[in-house]
Amino acid sequence: MPKITFVEADGREHVLDAAPGQSVMQVAIENDVRGILADCGGCCSCATCHCYVDEAWARRFAPASVEEAELVSYAFDPLPNSRLSCQLLLQPEHDGIVIRLPKRQI
């Protein structure tokens, strides 16, 4: 079972267990992590689950789709490592991943 660390904008950390196949967004929502709103419920149709994938982990996921990249461009403060957490499916090899949360969501 992979462990995931969410780091809120204020530095507060949450280390949580995730089931393989679960999205980063699902783990955040199920554990009341502040900073992930997920208004569309994970349908890749908003940018309210915007997050920053720690640089060491960014290449361990498939690249963002055209749709995801477009939505990320509408998020507040996008960076090169910005992703939508609903599109990041966790697997055992993601154990220890660090996800940073933006200061605000749209």
PDB file of N, CA and C in Angstrom:
ATOM      1  N   MET A   1       0.847  -1.170   0.000  1.00  0.00           N
ATOM      2  CA  MET A   1       0.000   0.000   0.000  1.00  0.00           C
ATOM      3  C   MET A   1       0.899   1.242   0.000  1.00  0.00           C
ATOM      4  N   PRO A   2       0.800   2.076  -1.021  1.00  0.00           N
ATOM      5  CA  PRO A   2       1.664   3.257  -1.059  1.00  0.00           C
ATOM      6  C   PRO A   2       1.274   4.300  -0.019  1.00  0.00           C
ATOM      7  N   LYS A   3       2.287   4.954   0.510  1.00  0.00           N
ATOM      8  CA  LYS A   3       2.081   6.099   1.403  1.00  0.00           C
ATOM      9  C   LYS A   3       2.293   7.356   0.575  1.00  0.00           C
ATOM     10  N   ILE A   4       1.482   8.372   0.844  1.00  0.00           N
ATOM     11  CA  ILE A   4       1.569   9.633   0.139  1.00  0.00           C
ATOM     12  C   ILE A   4       1.642  10.750   1.178  1.00  0.00           C
ATOM     13  N   THR A   5       2.517  11.716   0.929  1.00  0.00           N
ATOM     14  CA  THR A   5       2.632  12.867   1.820  1.00  0.00           C
ATOM     15  C   THR A   5       2.087  14.093   1.103  1.00  0.00           C
ATOM     16  N   PHE A   6       1.072  14.699   1.691  1.00  0.00           N
ATOM     17  CA  PHE A   6       0.540  15.967   1.201  1.00  0.00           C
ATOM     18  C   PHE A   6       1.169  17.070   2.045  1.00  0.00           C
ATOM     19  N   VAL A   7       1.671  18.094   1.383  1.00  0.00           N
ATOM     20  CA  VAL A   7       2.240  19.239   2.085  1.00  0.00           C
ATOM     21  C   VAL A   7       1.387  20.452   1.738  1.00  0.00           C
ATOM     22  N   GLU A   8       0.676  20.963   2.747  1.00  0.00           N
ATOM     23  CA  GLU A   8      -0.155  22.139   2.540  1.00  0.00           C
ATOM     24  C   GLU A   8       0.731  23.364   2.328  1.00  0.00           C
ATOM     25  N   ALA A   9       0.161  24.430   1.796  1.00  0.00           N
ATOM     26  CA  ALA A   9       0.913  25.656   1.511  1.00  0.00           C
ATOM     27  C   ALA A   9       1.584  26.220   2.761  1.00  0.00           C
ATOM     28  N   ASP A  10       0.990  25.973   3.938  1.00  0.00           N
ATOM     29  CA  ASP A  10       1.577  26.482   5.185  1.00  0.00           C
ATOM     30  C   ASP A  10       2.626  25.532   5.773  1.00  0.00           C
ATOM     31  N   GLY A  11       2.921  24.440   5.066  1.00  0.00           N
ATOM     32  CA  GLY A  11       3.942  23.490   5.506  1.00  0.00           C
ATOM     33  C   GLY A  11       3.415  22.306   6.289  1.00  0.00           C
ATOM     34  N   ARG A  12       2.141  22.316   6.658  1.00  0.00           N
ATOM     35  CA  ARG A  12       1.544  21.195   7.396  1.00  0.00           C
ATOM     36  C   ARG A  12       1.551  19.954   6.507  1.00  0.00           C
ATOM     37  N   GLU A  13       1.949  18.827   7.069  1.00  0.00           N
ATOM     38  CA  GLU A  13       2.040  17.582   6.312  1.00  0.00           C
ATOM     39  C   GLU A  13       1.006  16.563   6.770  1.00  0.00           C
ATOM     40  N   HIS A  14       0.553  15.768   5.815  1.00  0.00           N
ATOM     41  CA  HIS A  14      -0.350  14.653   6.074  1.00  0.00           C
ATOM     42  C   HIS A  14       0.261  13.435   5.384  1.00  0.00           C
ATOM     43  N   VAL A  15       0.611  12.409   6.137  1.00  0.00           N
ATOM     44  CA  VAL A  15       1.129  11.171   5.570  1.00  0.00           C
ATOM     45  C   VAL A  15       0.000  10.152   5.625  1.00  0.00           C
ATOM     46  N   LEU A  16      -0.421   9.693   4.443  1.00  0.00           N
ATOM     47  CA  LEU A  16      -1.614   8.858   4.352  1.00  0.00           C
ATOM     48  C   LEU A  16      -1.352   7.595   3.539  1.00  0.00           C
ATOM     49  N   ASP A  17      -2.130   6.561   3.834  1.00  0.00           N
ATOM     50  CA  ASP A  17      -2.090   5.332   3.054  1.00  0.00           C
ATOM     51  C   ASP A  17      -3.043   5.466   1.877  1.00  0.00           C
ATOM     52  N   ALA A  18      -2.656   4.882   0.754  1.00  0.00           N
ATOM     53  CA  ALA A  18      -3.489   4.884  -0.447  1.00  0.00           C
ATOM     54  C   ALA A  18      -3.587   3.466  -0.978  1.00  0.00           C
ATOM     55  N   ALA A  19      -4.714   3.156  -1.560  1.00  0.00           N
ATOM     56  CA  ALA A  19      -4.885   1.851  -2.204  1.00  0.00           C
ATOM     57  C   ALA A  19      -4.389   1.946  -3.643  1.00  0.00           C
ATOM     58  N   PRO A  20      -3.735   0.906  -4.147  1.00  0.00           N
ATOM     59  CA  PRO A  20      -3.332   0.930  -5.546  1.00  0.00           C
ATOM     60  C   PRO A  20      -4.539   1.190  -6.452  1.00  0.00           C
ATOM     61  N   GLY A  21      -4.344   2.080  -7.429  1.00  0.00           N
ATOM     62  CA  GLY A  21      -5.416   2.438  -8.346  1.00  0.00           C
ATOM     63  C   GLY A  21      -6.196   3.663  -7.921  1.00  0.00           C
ATOM     64  N   GLN A  22      -6.037   4.075  -6.680  1.00  0.00           N
ATOM     65  CA  GLN A  22      -6.711   5.269  -6.192  1.00  0.00           C
ATOM     66  C   GLN A  22      -6.002   6.502  -6.758  1.00  0.00           C
ATOM     67  N   SER A  23      -6.766   7.562  -6.995  1.00  0.00           N
ATOM     68  CA  SER A  23      -6.134   8.798  -7.446  1.00  0.00           C
ATOM     69  C   SER A  23      -5.647   9.603  -6.243  1.00  0.00           C
ATOM     70  N   VAL A  24      -4.681  10.455  -6.495  1.00  0.00           N
ATOM     71  CA  VAL A  24      -4.198  11.362  -5.452  1.00  0.00           C
ATOM     72  C   VAL A  24      -5.365  12.174  -4.909  1.00  0.00           C
ATOM     73  N   MET A  25      -6.263  12.625  -5.793  1.00  0.00           N
ATOM     74  CA  MET A  25      -7.437  13.396  -5.381  1.00  0.00           C
ATOM     75  C   MET A  25      -8.321  12.598  -4.425  1.00  0.00           C
ATOM     76  N   GLN A  26      -8.577  11.336  -4.732  1.00  0.00           N
ATOM     77  CA  GLN A  26      -9.430  10.506  -3.882  1.00  0.00           C
ATOM     78  C   GLN A  26      -8.846  10.373  -2.480  1.00  0.00           C
ATOM     79  N   VAL A  27      -7.548  10.181  -2.388  1.00  0.00           N
ATOM     80  CA  VAL A  27      -6.904  10.056  -1.084  1.00  0.00           C
ATOM     81  C   VAL A  27      -7.086  11.352  -0.296  1.00  0.00           C
ATOM     82  N   ALA A  28      -6.895  12.489  -0.957  1.00  0.00           N
ATOM     83  CA  ALA A  28      -7.048  13.788  -0.286  1.00  0.00           C
ATOM     84  C   ALA A  28      -8.474  13.996   0.203  1.00  0.00           C
ATOM     85  N   ILE A  29      -9.446  13.731  -0.640  1.00  0.00           N
ATOM     86  CA  ILE A  29     -10.852  13.942  -0.283  1.00  0.00           C
ATOM     87  C   ILE A  29     -11.272  13.015   0.850  1.00  0.00           C
ATOM     88  N   GLU A  30     -10.904  11.750   0.777  1.00  0.00           N
ATOM     89  CA  GLU A  30     -11.292  10.784   1.804  1.00  0.00           C
ATOM     90  C   GLU A  30     -10.678  11.095   3.169  1.00  0.00           C
ATOM     91  N   ASN A  31      -9.591  11.866   3.168  1.00  0.00           N
ATOM     92  CA  ASN A  31      -8.901  12.171   4.420  1.00  0.00           C
ATOM     93  C   ASN A  31      -8.977  13.647   4.797  1.00  0.00           C
ATOM     94  N   ASP A  32      -9.899  14.366   4.167  1.00  0.00           N
ATOM     95  CA  ASP A  32     -10.145  15.777   4.496  1.00  0.00           C
ATOM     96  C   ASP A  32      -8.892  16.647   4.447  1.00  0.00           C
ATOM     97  N   VAL A  33      -8.072  16.418   3.430  1.00  0.00           N
ATOM     98  CA  VAL A  33      -6.884  17.253   3.237  1.00  0.00           C
ATOM     99  C   VAL A  33      -7.342  18.583   2.656  1.00  0.00           C
ATOM    100  N   ARG A  34      -7.031  19.669   3.370  1.00  0.00           N
ATOM    101  CA  ARG A  34      -7.409  20.991   2.881  1.00  0.00           C
ATOM    102  C   ARG A  34      -6.555  21.342   1.661  1.00  0.00           C
ATOM    103  N   GLY A  35      -7.181  21.987   0.686  1.00  0.00           N
ATOM    104  CA  GLY A  35      -6.434  22.426  -0.487  1.00  0.00           C
ATOM    105  C   GLY A  35      -6.802  21.690  -1.749  1.00  0.00           C
ATOM    106  N   ILE A  36      -7.506  20.585  -1.641  1.00  0.00           N
ATOM    107  CA  ILE A  36      -8.022  19.864  -2.802  1.00  0.00           C
ATOM    108  C   ILE A  36      -9.542  19.965  -2.726  1.00  0.00           C
ATOM    109  N   LEU A  37     -10.131  20.702  -3.656  1.00  0.00           N
ATOM    110  CA  LEU A  37     -11.585  20.901  -3.652  1.00  0.00           C
ATOM    111  C   LEU A  37     -12.310  19.831  -4.466  1.00  0.00           C
ATOM    112  N   ALA A  38     -11.786  19.509  -5.640  1.00  0.00           N
ATOM    113  CA  ALA A  38     -12.342  18.457  -6.494  1.00  0.00           C
ATOM    114  C   ALA A  38     -13.809  18.674  -6.832  1.00  0.00           C
ATOM    115  N   ASP A  39     -14.136  19.868  -7.291  1.00  0.00           N
ATOM    116  CA  ASP A  39     -15.524  20.204  -7.607  1.00  0.00           C
ATOM    117  C   ASP A  39     -16.163  19.276  -8.631  1.00  0.00           C
ATOM    118  N   CYS A  40     -15.398  18.782  -9.611  1.00  0.00           N
ATOM    119  CA  CYS A  40     -15.995  17.933 -10.640  1.00  0.00           C
ATOM    120  C   CYS A  40     -15.986  16.456 -10.253  1.00  0.00           C
ATOM    121  N   GLY A  41     -15.444  16.133  -9.089  1.00  0.00           N
ATOM    122  CA  GLY A  41     -15.447  14.755  -8.619  1.00  0.00           C
ATOM    123  C   GLY A  41     -14.443  13.844  -9.304  1.00  0.00           C
ATOM    124  N   GLY A  42     -13.496  14.425 -10.017  1.00  0.00           N
ATOM    125  CA  GLY A  42     -12.458  13.612 -10.649  1.00  0.00           C
ATOM    126  C   GLY A  42     -12.664  13.351 -12.120  1.00  0.00           C
ATOM    127  N   CYS A  43     -13.467  14.162 -12.770  1.00  0.00           N
ATOM    128  CA  CYS A  43     -13.791  13.966 -14.194  1.00  0.00           C
ATOM    129  C   CYS A  43     -12.865  14.725 -15.143  1.00  0.00           C
ATOM    130  N   CYS A  44     -11.848  15.358 -14.622  1.00  0.00           N
ATOM    131  CA  CYS A  44     -10.921  16.155 -15.428  1.00  0.00           C
ATOM    132  C   CYS A  44     -11.679  17.233 -16.201  1.00  0.00           C
ATOM    133  N   SER A  45     -12.556  17.949 -15.478  1.00  0.00           N
ATOM    134  CA  SER A  45     -13.301  19.023 -16.134  1.00  0.00           C
ATOM    135  C   SER A  45     -13.239  20.333 -15.348  1.00  0.00           C
ATOM    136  N   CYS A  46     -12.357  20.408 -14.358  1.00  0.00           N
ATOM    137  CA  CYS A  46     -12.114  21.660 -13.645  1.00  0.00           C
ATOM    138  C   CYS A  46     -10.645  21.629 -13.228  1.00  0.00           C
ATOM    139  N   ALA A  47     -10.225  22.592 -12.482  1.00  0.00           N
ATOM    140  CA  ALA A  47      -8.830  22.601 -12.021  1.00  0.00           C
ATOM    141  C   ALA A  47      -8.756  22.752 -10.502  1.00  0.00           C
ATOM    142  N   THR A  48      -9.806  22.321  -9.814  1.00  0.00           N
ATOM    143  CA  THR A  48      -9.849  22.514  -8.365  1.00  0.00           C
ATOM    144  C   THR A  48      -9.152  21.407  -7.577  1.00  0.00           C
ATOM    145  N   CYS A  49      -8.474  20.531  -8.279  1.00  0.00           N
ATOM    146  CA  CYS A  49      -7.643  19.523  -7.606  1.00  0.00           C
ATOM    147  C   CYS A  49      -6.183  19.701  -8.013  1.00  0.00           C
ATOM    148  N   HIS A  50      -5.857  20.909  -8.455  1.00  0.00           N
ATOM    149  CA  HIS A  50      -4.498  21.247  -8.863  1.00  0.00           C
ATOM    150  C   HIS A  50      -3.520  20.947  -7.727  1.00  0.00           C
ATOM    151  N   CYS A  51      -2.384  20.386  -8.084  1.00  0.00           N
ATOM    152  CA  CYS A  51      -1.342  20.106  -7.110  1.00  0.00           C
ATOM    153  C   CYS A  51       0.008  20.193  -7.799  1.00  0.00           C
ATOM    154  N   TYR A  52       1.055  20.132  -7.003  1.00  0.00           N
ATOM    155  CA  TYR A  52       2.418  20.106  -7.511  1.00  0.00           C
ATOM    156  C   TYR A  52       3.026  18.758  -7.152  1.00  0.00           C
ATOM    157  N   VAL A  53       3.455  18.020  -8.160  1.00  0.00           N
ATOM    158  CA  VAL A  53       4.112  16.736  -7.925  1.00  0.00           C
ATOM    159  C   VAL A  53       5.581  17.025  -7.646  1.00  0.00           C
ATOM    160  N   ASP A  54       6.073  16.549  -6.522  1.00  0.00           N
ATOM    161  CA  ASP A  54       7.466  16.763  -6.179  1.00  0.00           C
ATOM    162  C   ASP A  54       8.343  16.333  -7.355  1.00  0.00           C
ATOM    163  N   GLU A  55       9.347  17.147  -7.660  1.00  0.00           N
ATOM    164  CA  GLU A  55      10.195  16.935  -8.846  1.00  0.00           C
ATOM    165  C   GLU A  55      10.713  15.499  -8.966  1.00  0.00           C
ATOM    166  N   ALA A  56      11.099  14.901  -7.867  1.00  0.00           N
ATOM    167  CA  ALA A  56      11.646  13.538  -7.912  1.00  0.00           C
ATOM    168  C   ALA A  56      10.633  12.512  -8.408  1.00  0.00           C
ATOM    169  N   TRP A  57       9.343  12.846  -8.356  1.00  0.00           N
ATOM    170  CA  TRP A  57       8.290  11.894  -8.707  1.00  0.00           C
ATOM    171  C   TRP A  57       7.596  12.228 -10.024  1.00  0.00           C
ATOM    172  N   ALA A  58       7.826  13.393 -10.570  1.00  0.00           N
ATOM    173  CA  ALA A  58       7.067  13.883 -11.724  1.00  0.00           C
ATOM    174  C   ALA A  58       7.102  12.925 -12.917  1.00  0.00           C
ATOM    175  N   ARG A  59       8.229  12.320 -13.196  1.00  0.00           N
ATOM    176  CA  ARG A  59       8.342  11.430 -14.364  1.00  0.00           C
ATOM    177  C   ARG A  59       7.830  10.012 -14.113  1.00  0.00           C
ATOM    178  N   ARG A  60       7.348   9.756 -12.923  1.00  0.00           N
ATOM    179  CA  ARG A  60       6.836   8.411 -12.608  1.00  0.00           C
ATOM    180  C   ARG A  60       5.361   8.251 -12.952  1.00  0.00           C
ATOM    181  N   PHE A  61       4.788   9.288 -13.515  1.00  0.00           N
ATOM    182  CA  PHE A  61       3.404   9.246 -13.993  1.00  0.00           C
ATOM    183  C   PHE A  61       3.397   9.472 -15.496  1.00  0.00           C
ATOM    184  N   ALA A  62       2.355   9.000 -16.153  1.00  0.00           N
ATOM    185  CA  ALA A  62       2.193   9.287 -17.581  1.00  0.00           C
ATOM    186  C   ALA A  62       2.099  10.806 -17.754  1.00  0.00           C
ATOM    187  N   PRO A  63       2.562  11.321 -18.888  1.00  0.00           N
ATOM    188  CA  PRO A  63       2.447  12.764 -19.116  1.00  0.00           C
ATOM    189  C   PRO A  63       0.988  13.212 -19.108  1.00  0.00           C
ATOM    190  N   ALA A  64       0.783  14.475 -18.820  1.00  0.00           N
ATOM    191  CA  ALA A  64      -0.566  15.041 -18.813  1.00  0.00           C
ATOM    192  C   ALA A  64      -1.164  14.984 -20.213  1.00  0.00           C
ATOM    193  N   SER A  65      -2.452  14.692 -20.267  1.00  0.00           N
ATOM    194  CA  SER A  65      -3.165  14.725 -21.547  1.00  0.00           C
ATOM    195  C   SER A  65      -3.322  16.179 -21.990  1.00  0.00           C
ATOM    196  N   VAL A  66      -3.727  16.383 -23.204  1.00  0.00           N
ATOM    197  CA  VAL A  66      -3.976  17.731 -23.711  1.00  0.00           C
ATOM    198  C   VAL A  66      -5.037  18.416 -22.858  1.00  0.00           C
ATOM    199  N   GLU A  67      -6.098  17.678 -22.530  1.00  0.00           N
ATOM    200  CA  GLU A  67      -7.182  18.237 -21.723  1.00  0.00           C
ATOM    201  C   GLU A  67      -6.688  18.658 -20.337  1.00  0.00           C
ATOM    202  N   GLU A  68      -5.902  17.783 -19.703  1.00  0.00           N
ATOM    203  CA  GLU A  68      -5.380  18.111 -18.376  1.00  0.00           C
ATOM    204  C   GLU A  68      -4.467  19.328 -18.442  1.00  0.00           C
ATOM    205  N   ALA A  69      -3.571  19.364 -19.414  1.00  0.00           N
ATOM    206  CA  ALA A  69      -2.646  20.494 -19.544  1.00  0.00           C
ATOM    207  C   ALA A  69      -3.397  21.809 -19.741  1.00  0.00           C
ATOM    208  N   GLU A  70      -4.471  21.766 -20.525  1.00  0.00           N
ATOM    209  CA  GLU A  70      -5.260  22.981 -20.735  1.00  0.00           C
ATOM    210  C   GLU A  70      -5.908  23.442 -19.431  1.00  0.00           C
ATOM    211  N   LEU A  71      -6.472  22.507 -18.685  1.00  0.00           N
ATOM    212  CA  LEU A  71      -7.099  22.871 -17.412  1.00  0.00           C
ATOM    213  C   LEU A  71      -6.082  23.401 -16.409  1.00  0.00           C
ATOM    214  N   VAL A  72      -4.909  22.800 -16.372  1.00  0.00           N
ATOM    215  CA  VAL A  72      -3.858  23.267 -15.467  1.00  0.00           C
ATOM    216  C   VAL A  72      -3.494  24.710 -15.785  1.00  0.00           C
ATOM    217  N   SER A  73      -3.550  25.074 -17.057  1.00  0.00           N
ATOM    218  CA  SER A  73      -3.198  26.449 -17.432  1.00  0.00           C
ATOM    219  C   SER A  73      -4.159  27.470 -16.830  1.00  0.00           C
ATOM    220  N   TYR A  74      -5.359  27.049 -16.434  1.00  0.00           N
ATOM    221  CA  TYR A  74      -6.337  27.942 -15.807  1.00  0.00           C
ATOM    222  C   TYR A  74      -6.194  28.004 -14.284  1.00  0.00           C
ATOM    223  N   ALA A  75      -5.393  27.130 -13.714  1.00  0.00           N
ATOM    224  CA  ALA A  75      -5.219  27.092 -12.259  1.00  0.00           C
ATOM    225  C   ALA A  75      -4.410  28.301 -11.792  1.00  0.00           C
ATOM    226  N   PHE A  76      -4.564  28.639 -10.514  1.00  0.00           N
ATOM    227  CA  PHE A  76      -3.727  29.683  -9.934  1.00  0.00           C
ATOM    228  C   PHE A  76      -2.304  29.161  -9.790  1.00  0.00           C
ATOM    229  N   ASP A  77      -1.348  29.968 -10.163  1.00  0.00           N
ATOM    230  CA  ASP A  77       0.071  29.695  -9.938  1.00  0.00           C
ATOM    231  C   ASP A  77       0.548  28.343 -10.482  1.00  0.00           C
ATOM    232  N   PRO A  78       0.261  28.035 -11.755  1.00  0.00           N
ATOM    233  CA  PRO A  78       0.768  26.774 -12.296  1.00  0.00           C
ATOM    234  C   PRO A  78       2.294  26.803 -12.435  1.00  0.00           C
ATOM    235  N   LEU A  79       2.892  25.664 -12.229  1.00  0.00           N
ATOM    236  CA  LEU A  79       4.338  25.484 -12.369  1.00  0.00           C
ATOM    237  C   LEU A  79       4.589  24.325 -13.327  1.00  0.00           C
ATOM    238  N   PRO A  80       5.827  24.128 -13.762  1.00  0.00           N
ATOM    239  CA  PRO A  80       6.107  22.996 -14.663  1.00  0.00           C
ATOM    240  C   PRO A  80       5.718  21.633 -14.080  1.00  0.00           C
ATOM    241  N   ASN A  81       5.684  21.506 -12.752  1.00  0.00           N
ATOM    242  CA  ASN A  81       5.324  20.236 -12.119  1.00  0.00           C
ATOM    243  C   ASN A  81       3.864  20.206 -11.662  1.00  0.00           C
ATOM    244  N   SER A  82       3.042  21.129 -12.185  1.00  0.00           N
ATOM    245  CA  SER A  82       1.611  21.146 -11.846  1.00  0.00           C
ATOM    246  C   SER A  82       0.887  20.000 -12.538  1.00  0.00           C
ATOM    247  N   ARG A  83      -0.018  19.392 -11.804  1.00  0.00           N
ATOM    248  CA  ARG A  83      -0.884  18.335 -12.348  1.00  0.00           C
ATOM    249  C   ARG A  83      -2.250  18.458 -11.692  1.00  0.00           C
ATOM    250  N   LEU A  84      -3.218  17.761 -12.272  1.00  0.00           N
ATOM    251  CA  LEU A  84      -4.523  17.611 -11.630  1.00  0.00           C
ATOM    252  C   LEU A  84      -4.461  16.301 -10.858  1.00  0.00           C
ATOM    253  N   SER A  85      -4.729  16.370  -9.573  1.00  0.00           N
ATOM    254  CA  SER A  85      -4.575  15.178  -8.735  1.00  0.00           C
ATOM    255  C   SER A  85      -5.547  14.064  -9.109  1.00  0.00           C
ATOM    256  N   CYS A  86      -6.645  14.402  -9.789  1.00  0.00           N
ATOM    257  CA  CYS A  86      -7.587  13.366 -10.219  1.00  0.00           C
ATOM    258  C   CYS A  86      -7.007  12.495 -11.332  1.00  0.00           C
ATOM    259  N   GLN A  87      -5.965  12.967 -11.984  1.00  0.00           N
ATOM    260  CA  GLN A  87      -5.362  12.238 -13.098  1.00  0.00           C
ATOM    261  C   GLN A  87      -4.127  11.445 -12.694  1.00  0.00           C
ATOM    262  N   LEU A  88      -3.786  11.478 -11.430  1.00  0.00           N
ATOM    263  CA  LEU A  88      -2.606  10.781 -10.924  1.00  0.00           C
ATOM    264  C   LEU A  88      -3.042   9.529 -10.177  1.00  0.00           C
ATOM    265  N   LEU A  89      -2.950   8.387 -10.858  1.00  0.00           N
ATOM    266  CA  LEU A  89      -3.347   7.114 -10.257  1.00  0.00           C
ATOM    267  C   LEU A  89      -2.150   6.478  -9.571  1.00  0.00           C
ATOM    268  N   LEU A  90      -2.338   6.148  -8.309  1.00  0.00           N
ATOM    269  CA  LEU A  90      -1.253   5.623  -7.493  1.00  0.00           C
ATOM    270  C   LEU A  90      -1.091   4.119  -7.658  1.00  0.00           C
ATOM    271  N   GLN A  91       0.163   3.697  -7.649  1.00  0.00           N
ATOM    272  CA  GLN A  91       0.542   2.293  -7.727  1.00  0.00           C
ATOM    273  C   GLN A  91       1.578   2.035  -6.642  1.00  0.00           C
ATOM    274  N   PRO A  92       1.884   0.777  -6.329  1.00  0.00           N
ATOM    275  CA  PRO A  92       2.861   0.499  -5.271  1.00  0.00           C
ATOM    276  C   PRO A  92       4.192   1.230  -5.466  1.00  0.00           C
ATOM    277  N   GLU A  93       4.608   1.449  -6.708  1.00  0.00           N
ATOM    278  CA  GLU A  93       5.887   2.122  -6.958  1.00  0.00           C
ATOM    279  C   GLU A  93       5.855   3.612  -6.613  1.00  0.00           C
ATOM    280  N   HIS A  94       4.683   4.135  -6.265  1.00  0.00           N
ATOM    281  CA  HIS A  94       4.572   5.534  -5.857  1.00  0.00           C
ATOM    282  C   HIS A  94       4.711   5.695  -4.337  1.00  0.00           C
ATOM    283  N   ASP A  95       5.051   4.625  -3.647  1.00  0.00           N
ATOM    284  CA  ASP A  95       5.197   4.686  -2.195  1.00  0.00           C
ATOM    285  C   ASP A  95       6.218   5.754  -1.809  1.00  0.00           C
ATOM    286  N   GLY A  96       5.787   6.703  -0.981  1.00  0.00           N
ATOM    287  CA  GLY A  96       6.663   7.775  -0.530  1.00  0.00           C
ATOM    288  C   GLY A  96       6.513   9.078  -1.300  1.00  0.00           C
ATOM    289  N   ILE A  97       5.600   9.120  -2.269  1.00  0.00           N
ATOM    290  CA  ILE A  97       5.430  10.314  -3.091  1.00  0.00           C
ATOM    291  C   ILE A  97       5.062  11.535  -2.243  1.00  0.00           C
ATOM    292  N   VAL A  98       5.538  12.681  -2.692  1.00  0.00           N
ATOM    293  CA  VAL A  98       5.243  13.950  -2.024  1.00  0.00           C
ATOM    294  C   VAL A  98       4.454  14.825  -2.985  1.00  0.00           C
ATOM    295  N   ILE A  99       3.298  15.291  -2.518  1.00  0.00           N
ATOM    296  CA  ILE A  99       2.418  16.171  -3.293  1.00  0.00           C
ATOM    297  C   ILE A  99       2.292  17.478  -2.520  1.00  0.00           C
ATOM    298  N   ARG A 100       2.625  18.570  -3.179  1.00  0.00           N
ATOM    299  CA  ARG A 100       2.498  19.891  -2.553  1.00  0.00           C
ATOM    300  C   ARG A 100       1.224  20.560  -3.050  1.00  0.00           C
ATOM    301  N   LEU A 101       0.570  21.271  -2.169  1.00  0.00           N
ATOM    302  CA  LEU A 101      -0.704  21.897  -2.486  1.00  0.00           C
ATOM    303  C   LEU A 101      -0.522  23.401  -2.688  1.00  0.00           C
ATOM    304  N   PRO A 102      -1.260  23.974  -3.642  1.00  0.00           N
ATOM    305  CA  PRO A 102      -1.138  25.407  -3.882  1.00  0.00           C
ATOM    306  C   PRO A 102      -1.783  26.225  -2.757  1.00  0.00           C
ATOM    307  N   LYS A 103      -1.468  27.506  -2.741  1.00  0.00           N
ATOM    308  CA  LYS A 103      -2.031  28.392  -1.717  1.00  0.00           C
ATOM    309  C   LYS A 103      -3.534  28.553  -1.901  1.00  0.00           C
ATOM    310  N   ARG A 104      -4.000  28.453  -3.146  1.00  0.00           N
ATOM    311  CA  ARG A 104      -5.434  28.628  -3.414  1.00  0.00           C
ATOM    312  C   ARG A 104      -5.825  27.850  -4.653  1.00  0.00           C
ATOM    313  N   GLN A 105      -7.099  27.506  -4.721  1.00  0.00           N
ATOM    314  CA  GLN A 105      -7.690  26.846  -5.872  1.00  0.00           C
ATOM    315  C   GLN A 105      -8.704  27.797  -6.494  1.00  0.00           C
ATOM    316  N   ILE A 106      -9.079  27.534  -7.741  1.00  0.00           N
ATOM    317  CA  ILE A 106     -10.086  28.371  -8.376  1.00  0.00           C
ATOM    318  C   ILE A 106     -11.467  27.975  -7.925  1.00  0.00           C
TER     319      ILE A 106
END
